[in-house]
Amino acid sequence: MAEPLTTPHLWLVRHAQPLIAPGVCYGRLDVAADTDHTRSSALRLHSALPPHVTQIQSSPLRRCQQLADELRSLRASSTPVQLDVRLQEMDFGAWEDCRWDAIAREEIDAWTKNFAHLRPGQGESLQQMLVRVDQALQAACKQGKDAAWITHAGVIRCVLWLLQHGHREPLSSEWTMAAPAFGEWFHLPLTPP
């Protein structure tokens, strides 16, 4: 049996492959994930995640809940998965469910020029997203226990930004952090930004 790590760790798990056409903008859009990929991702995560990690939180979006439910069914713990709206993907407003190449170039250019504060599609700004992800991260740090988040690429990038740069506002040219592939994860020491 794996012993708990001395410093608490956070497993940042990206949902499985969503059932949506390539090139379509989806953030808060509630799309399902591929069932087979979800199952195989849950099996790999179950094998990698130490048994003492019982705190599992998930975005309430369906593609994340599917993976969280599959993982929970594989684990001996009866601890329920906690849904947390702070772990949702960015809200792209009117851009949701549009092809990226159909969104006016001027709108995308305006967003990249005011990357932290402009609300793409009148949805949510990156700064708003960073604030809510930081709140979730601070709460996890305060608990001081290993945890797993079933979430989205945008949330994972926000965590990486906060851990590397604190509360400094990013420029679009700096937003280059890699996220795990669908159904994959990173695990990091859980330290406050």
C-alpha atoms as a PDB file:
ATOM      1  CA  MET A   1       0.000   0.000   0.000  1.00  0.00           C
ATOM      2  CA  ALA A   2       1.391   3.403  -0.977  1.00  0.00           C
ATOM      3  CA  GLU A   3       2.109   5.728   1.918  1.00  0.00           C
ATOM      4  CA  PRO A   4       0.790   9.287   1.776  1.00  0.00           C
ATOM      5  CA  LEU A   5       3.327  11.746   0.405  1.00  0.00           C
ATOM      6  CA  THR A   6       4.672  14.140   3.036  1.00  0.00           C
ATOM      7  CA  THR A   7       3.572  17.220   1.101  1.00  0.00           C
ATOM      8  CA  PRO A   8      -0.058  16.995   0.036  1.00  0.00           C
ATOM      9  CA  HIS A   9      -0.489  16.558  -3.709  1.00  0.00           C
ATOM     10  CA  LEU A  10      -3.212  17.558  -6.125  1.00  0.00           C
ATOM     11  CA  TRP A  11      -4.056  15.291  -9.040  1.00  0.00           C
ATOM     12  CA  LEU A  12      -5.341  17.428 -11.910  1.00  0.00           C
ATOM     13  CA  VAL A  13      -7.277  15.050 -14.148  1.00  0.00           C
ATOM     14  CA  ARG A  14      -8.649  16.057 -17.534  1.00  0.00           C
ATOM     15  CA  HIS A  15     -11.928  14.522 -18.673  1.00  0.00           C
ATOM     16  CA  ALA A  16     -11.977  11.902 -21.441  1.00  0.00           C
ATOM     17  CA  GLN A  17     -12.428  12.672 -25.155  1.00  0.00           C
ATOM     18  CA  PRO A  18     -15.611  14.747 -25.571  1.00  0.00           C
ATOM     19  CA  LEU A  19     -18.200  13.844 -28.167  1.00  0.00           C
ATOM     20  CA  ILE A  20     -17.932  17.016 -30.216  1.00  0.00           C
ATOM     21  CA  ALA A  21     -16.572  17.749 -33.673  1.00  0.00           C
ATOM     22  CA  PRO A  22     -12.970  18.980 -33.901  1.00  0.00           C
ATOM     23  CA  GLY A  23     -12.634  22.749 -34.238  1.00  0.00           C
ATOM     24  CA  VAL A  24     -15.762  23.575 -32.217  1.00  0.00           C
ATOM     25  CA  CYS A  25     -15.517  25.962 -29.262  1.00  0.00           C
ATOM     26  CA  TYR A  26     -16.762  24.279 -26.114  1.00  0.00           C
ATOM     27  CA  GLY A  27     -16.076  25.451 -22.625  1.00  0.00           C
ATOM     28  CA  ARG A  28     -19.134  25.524 -20.424  1.00  0.00           C
ATOM     29  CA  LEU A  29     -21.066  23.655 -23.134  1.00  0.00           C
ATOM     30  CA  ASP A  30     -22.240  20.463 -21.441  1.00  0.00           C
ATOM     31  CA  VAL A  31     -21.165  17.691 -23.795  1.00  0.00           C
ATOM     32  CA  ALA A  32     -20.738  14.028 -22.952  1.00  0.00           C
ATOM     33  CA  ALA A  33     -17.438  12.188 -23.226  1.00  0.00           C
ATOM     34  CA  ASP A  34     -16.774   8.985 -25.120  1.00  0.00           C
ATOM     35  CA  THR A  35     -17.892   6.120 -22.863  1.00  0.00           C
ATOM     36  CA  ASP A  36     -15.092   3.694 -23.754  1.00  0.00           C
ATOM     37  CA  HIS A  37     -12.395   6.345 -23.355  1.00  0.00           C
ATOM     38  CA  THR A  38     -13.935   7.405 -20.040  1.00  0.00           C
ATOM     39  CA  ARG A  39     -13.834   3.821 -18.778  1.00  0.00           C
ATOM     40  CA  SER A  40     -10.226   3.190 -19.867  1.00  0.00           C
ATOM     41  CA  SER A  41      -9.156   6.553 -18.389  1.00  0.00           C
ATOM     42  CA  ALA A  42     -10.832   5.687 -15.084  1.00  0.00           C
ATOM     43  CA  LEU A  43      -9.066   2.308 -14.998  1.00  0.00           C
ATOM     44  CA  ARG A  44      -5.641   3.928 -15.567  1.00  0.00           C
ATOM     45  CA  LEU A  45      -6.340   6.636 -13.000  1.00  0.00           C
ATOM     46  CA  HIS A  46      -7.563   4.081 -10.459  1.00  0.00           C
ATOM     47  CA  SER A  47      -4.272   2.178 -10.854  1.00  0.00           C
ATOM     48  CA  ALA A  48      -2.184   5.351 -10.453  1.00  0.00           C
ATOM     49  CA  LEU A  49      -4.101   7.130  -7.693  1.00  0.00           C
ATOM     50  CA  PRO A  50      -2.978   6.079  -4.196  1.00  0.00           C
ATOM     51  CA  PRO A  51      -5.782   4.510  -2.120  1.00  0.00           C
ATOM     52  CA  HIS A  52      -5.507   7.185   0.575  1.00  0.00           C
ATOM     53  CA  VAL A  53      -6.678   9.843  -1.908  1.00  0.00           C
ATOM     54  CA  THR A  54     -10.345   9.901  -1.006  1.00  0.00           C
ATOM     55  CA  GLN A  55     -11.110  13.549  -1.662  1.00  0.00           C
ATOM     56  CA  ILE A  56     -12.298  13.642  -5.250  1.00  0.00           C
ATOM     57  CA  GLN A  57     -13.880  16.783  -6.633  1.00  0.00           C
ATOM     58  CA  SER A  58     -15.346  17.192 -10.081  1.00  0.00           C
ATOM     59  CA  SER A  59     -16.608  19.850 -12.394  1.00  0.00           C
ATOM     60  CA  PRO A  60     -20.380  19.438 -12.648  1.00  0.00           C
ATOM     61  CA  LEU A  61     -20.145  19.257 -16.446  1.00  0.00           C
ATOM     62  CA  ARG A  62     -21.164  15.857 -17.789  1.00  0.00           C
ATOM     63  CA  ARG A  63     -17.817  14.956 -19.378  1.00  0.00           C
ATOM     64  CA  CYS A  64     -16.138  15.288 -15.976  1.00  0.00           C
ATOM     65  CA  GLN A  65     -18.906  13.671 -13.955  1.00  0.00           C
ATOM     66  CA  GLN A  66     -18.739  10.607 -16.192  1.00  0.00           C
ATOM     67  CA  LEU A  67     -15.063  10.081 -15.332  1.00  0.00           C
ATOM     68  CA  ALA A  68     -15.613  10.857 -11.640  1.00  0.00           C
ATOM     69  CA  ASP A  69     -18.476   8.348 -11.457  1.00  0.00           C
ATOM     70  CA  GLU A  70     -16.422   5.652 -13.212  1.00  0.00           C
ATOM     71  CA  LEU A  71     -13.497   6.260 -10.866  1.00  0.00           C
ATOM     72  CA  ARG A  72     -15.712   6.148  -7.789  1.00  0.00           C
ATOM     73  CA  SER A  73     -17.206   2.826  -8.909  1.00  0.00           C
ATOM     74  CA  LEU A  74     -13.667   1.358  -9.015  1.00  0.00           C
ATOM     75  CA  ARG A  75     -12.524   2.619  -5.613  1.00  0.00           C
ATOM     76  CA  ALA A  76     -13.283   1.007  -2.261  1.00  0.00           C
ATOM     77  CA  SER A  77     -14.098   4.346  -0.632  1.00  0.00           C
ATOM     78  CA  SER A  78     -17.721   5.234  -0.168  1.00  0.00           C
ATOM     79  CA  THR A  79     -16.816   8.919  -0.033  1.00  0.00           C
ATOM     80  CA  PRO A  80     -18.987  10.682  -2.601  1.00  0.00           C
ATOM     81  CA  VAL A  81     -17.516  12.779  -5.369  1.00  0.00           C
ATOM     82  CA  GLN A  82     -17.967  16.462  -4.564  1.00  0.00           C
ATOM     83  CA  LEU A  83     -19.177  18.612  -7.443  1.00  0.00           C
ATOM     84  CA  ASP A  84     -17.573  22.048  -7.497  1.00  0.00           C
ATOM     85  CA  VAL A  85     -18.665  24.749  -9.964  1.00  0.00           C
ATOM     86  CA  ARG A  86     -15.261  26.411  -9.549  1.00  0.00           C
ATOM     87  CA  LEU A  87     -13.777  23.492 -11.512  1.00  0.00           C
ATOM     88  CA  GLN A  88     -15.863  24.180 -14.642  1.00  0.00           C
ATOM     89  CA  GLU A  89     -14.261  25.162 -17.918  1.00  0.00           C
ATOM     90  CA  MET A  90     -14.302  28.787 -19.086  1.00  0.00           C
ATOM     91  CA  ASP A  91     -17.657  30.130 -20.254  1.00  0.00           C
ATOM     92  CA  PHE A  92     -17.223  31.286 -23.845  1.00  0.00           C
ATOM     93  CA  GLY A  93     -20.736  32.770 -23.993  1.00  0.00           C
ATOM     94  CA  ALA A  94     -22.034  33.171 -27.556  1.00  0.00           C
ATOM     95  CA  TRP A  95     -18.927  31.414 -28.895  1.00  0.00           C
ATOM     96  CA  GLU A  96     -20.017  28.115 -27.321  1.00  0.00           C
ATOM     97  CA  ASP A  97     -20.825  25.446 -29.927  1.00  0.00           C
ATOM     98  CA  CYS A  98     -19.474  27.629 -32.778  1.00  0.00           C
ATOM     99  CA  ARG A  99     -16.616  26.580 -34.993  1.00  0.00           C
ATOM    100  CA  TRP A 100     -13.489  28.542 -34.057  1.00  0.00           C
ATOM    101  CA  ASP A 101     -13.000  29.469 -37.711  1.00  0.00           C
ATOM    102  CA  ALA A 102     -16.547  30.918 -37.799  1.00  0.00           C
ATOM    103  CA  ILE A 103     -15.885  33.369 -34.949  1.00  0.00           C
ATOM    104  CA  ALA A 104     -15.064  36.822 -36.297  1.00  0.00           C
ATOM    105  CA  ARG A 105     -11.300  37.337 -36.487  1.00  0.00           C
ATOM    106  CA  GLU A 106     -11.759  40.817 -34.970  1.00  0.00           C
ATOM    107  CA  GLU A 107     -13.369  39.293 -31.873  1.00  0.00           C
ATOM    108  CA  ILE A 108     -10.540  36.804 -31.378  1.00  0.00           C
ATOM    109  CA  ASP A 109      -7.935  39.543 -31.949  1.00  0.00           C
ATOM    110  CA  ALA A 110      -9.670  41.778 -29.391  1.00  0.00           C
ATOM    111  CA  TRP A 111      -9.581  38.925 -26.878  1.00  0.00           C
ATOM    112  CA  THR A 112      -5.872  38.252 -27.379  1.00  0.00           C
ATOM    113  CA  LYS A 113      -5.120  41.974 -26.934  1.00  0.00           C
ATOM    114  CA  ASN A 114      -7.060  42.143 -23.662  1.00  0.00           C
ATOM    115  CA  PHE A 115      -6.570  38.511 -22.718  1.00  0.00           C
ATOM    116  CA  ALA A 116      -7.125  38.741 -18.972  1.00  0.00           C
ATOM    117  CA  HIS A 117     -10.206  40.967 -18.973  1.00  0.00           C
ATOM    118  CA  LEU A 118     -12.178  40.636 -22.198  1.00  0.00           C
ATOM    119  CA  ARG A 119     -15.078  38.197 -21.927  1.00  0.00           C
ATOM    120  CA  PRO A 120     -15.001  36.054 -25.085  1.00  0.00           C
ATOM    121  CA  GLY A 121     -18.508  35.776 -26.505  1.00  0.00           C
ATOM    122  CA  GLN A 122     -19.661  37.888 -23.515  1.00  0.00           C
ATOM    123  CA  GLY A 123     -19.012  34.844 -21.332  1.00  0.00           C
ATOM    124  CA  GLU A 124     -16.317  34.800 -18.654  1.00  0.00           C
ATOM    125  CA  SER A 125     -12.980  36.592 -18.631  1.00  0.00           C
ATOM    126  CA  LEU A 126      -9.780  34.736 -17.848  1.00  0.00           C
ATOM    127  CA  GLN A 127      -9.374  36.927 -14.760  1.00  0.00           C
ATOM    128  CA  GLN A 128     -12.796  35.815 -13.491  1.00  0.00           C
ATOM    129  CA  MET A 129     -11.815  32.205 -14.100  1.00  0.00           C
ATOM    130  CA  LEU A 130      -8.461  32.629 -12.343  1.00  0.00           C
ATOM    131  CA  VAL A 131     -10.247  34.055  -9.283  1.00  0.00           C
ATOM    132  CA  ARG A 132     -12.629  31.097  -8.956  1.00  0.00           C
ATOM    133  CA  VAL A 133      -9.888  28.506  -9.597  1.00  0.00           C
ATOM    134  CA  ASP A 134      -7.682  30.263  -7.033  1.00  0.00           C
ATOM    135  CA  GLN A 135     -10.518  30.034  -4.497  1.00  0.00           C
ATOM    136  CA  ALA A 136     -10.746  26.272  -5.082  1.00  0.00           C
ATOM    137  CA  LEU A 137      -6.958  25.932  -4.882  1.00  0.00           C
ATOM    138  CA  GLN A 138      -6.780  27.918  -1.626  1.00  0.00           C
ATOM    139  CA  ALA A 139      -9.523  25.718  -0.127  1.00  0.00           C
ATOM    140  CA  ALA A 140      -7.611  22.569  -1.139  1.00  0.00           C
ATOM    141  CA  CYS A 141      -4.385  23.949   0.380  1.00  0.00           C
ATOM    142  CA  LYS A 142      -6.204  24.800   3.599  1.00  0.00           C
ATOM    143  CA  GLN A 143      -7.467  21.213   3.923  1.00  0.00           C
ATOM    144  CA  GLY A 144      -3.891  19.982   3.565  1.00  0.00           C
ATOM    145  CA  LYS A 145      -4.821  16.547   2.181  1.00  0.00           C
ATOM    146  CA  ASP A 146      -4.112  14.821  -1.093  1.00  0.00           C
ATOM    147  CA  ALA A 147      -6.948  15.455  -3.515  1.00  0.00           C
ATOM    148  CA  ALA A 148      -7.978  14.779  -7.092  1.00  0.00           C
ATOM    149  CA  TRP A 149      -9.844  17.183  -9.332  1.00  0.00           C
ATOM    150  CA  ILE A 150     -11.670  15.835 -12.376  1.00  0.00           C
ATOM    151  CA  THR A 151     -11.710  18.938 -14.515  1.00  0.00           C
ATOM    152  CA  HIS A 152     -10.805  20.676 -17.785  1.00  0.00           C
ATOM    153  CA  ALA A 153      -7.707  21.887 -19.631  1.00  0.00           C
ATOM    154  CA  GLY A 154      -8.513  25.533 -18.855  1.00  0.00           C
ATOM    155  CA  VAL A 155      -8.766  24.906 -15.112  1.00  0.00           C
ATOM    156  CA  ILE A 156      -5.515  22.917 -15.150  1.00  0.00           C
ATOM    157  CA  ARG A 157      -3.780  25.769 -16.986  1.00  0.00           C
ATOM    158  CA  CYS A 158      -5.139  28.222 -14.398  1.00  0.00           C
ATOM    159  CA  VAL A 159      -3.676  26.117 -11.567  1.00  0.00           C
ATOM    160  CA  LEU A 160      -0.317  25.950 -13.345  1.00  0.00           C
ATOM    161  CA  TRP A 161      -0.360  29.716 -13.925  1.00  0.00           C
ATOM    162  CA  LEU A 162      -1.244  30.446 -10.292  1.00  0.00           C
ATOM    163  CA  LEU A 163       1.489  28.145  -8.966  1.00  0.00           C
ATOM    164  CA  GLN A 164       4.126  29.578 -11.315  1.00  0.00           C
ATOM    165  CA  HIS A 165       3.130  33.260 -11.447  1.00  0.00           C
ATOM    166  CA  GLY A 166       0.813  33.919  -8.530  1.00  0.00           C
ATOM    167  CA  HIS A 167      -1.820  36.535  -9.189  1.00  0.00           C
ATOM    168  CA  ARG A 168      -0.048  38.333 -12.018  1.00  0.00           C
ATOM    169  CA  GLU A 169      -2.337  38.801 -15.019  1.00  0.00           C
ATOM    170  CA  PRO A 170      -1.273  36.770 -18.048  1.00  0.00           C
ATOM    171  CA  LEU A 171      -0.758  38.036 -21.568  1.00  0.00           C
ATOM    172  CA  SER A 172      -2.028  35.814 -24.370  1.00  0.00           C
ATOM    173  CA  SER A 173       1.582  35.177 -25.439  1.00  0.00           C
ATOM    174  CA  GLU A 174       2.328  33.764 -21.960  1.00  0.00           C
ATOM    175  CA  TRP A 175      -0.635  31.374 -21.872  1.00  0.00           C
ATOM    176  CA  THR A 176       1.384  28.459 -23.220  1.00  0.00           C
ATOM    177  CA  MET A 177       1.177  25.896 -20.418  1.00  0.00           C
ATOM    178  CA  ALA A 178       0.551  22.374 -21.631  1.00  0.00           C
ATOM    179  CA  ALA A 179      -2.456  20.521 -20.296  1.00  0.00           C
ATOM    180  CA  PRO A 180      -2.663  16.755 -20.048  1.00  0.00           C
ATOM    181  CA  ALA A 181      -4.256  14.883 -22.937  1.00  0.00           C
ATOM    182  CA  PHE A 182      -7.876  13.765 -22.626  1.00  0.00           C
ATOM    183  CA  GLY A 183      -8.189  11.242 -19.801  1.00  0.00           C
ATOM    184  CA  GLU A 184      -4.675  11.980 -18.489  1.00  0.00           C
ATOM    185  CA  TRP A 185      -3.430  13.938 -15.472  1.00  0.00           C
ATOM    186  CA  PHE A 186      -0.682  15.834 -13.722  1.00  0.00           C
ATOM    187  CA  HIS A 187      -0.004  15.635 -10.016  1.00  0.00           C
ATOM    188  CA  LEU A 188       1.651  18.507  -8.214  1.00  0.00           C
ATOM    189  CA  PRO A 189       2.624  19.456  -4.683  1.00  0.00           C
ATOM    190  CA  LEU A 190      -0.308  21.279  -3.115  1.00  0.00           C
ATOM    191  CA  THR A 191       1.208  24.590  -2.073  1.00  0.00           C
ATOM    192  CA  PRO A 192      -0.526  27.959  -1.986  1.00  0.00           C
ATOM    193  CA  PRO A 193       0.342  30.373  -4.811  1.00  0.00           C
END
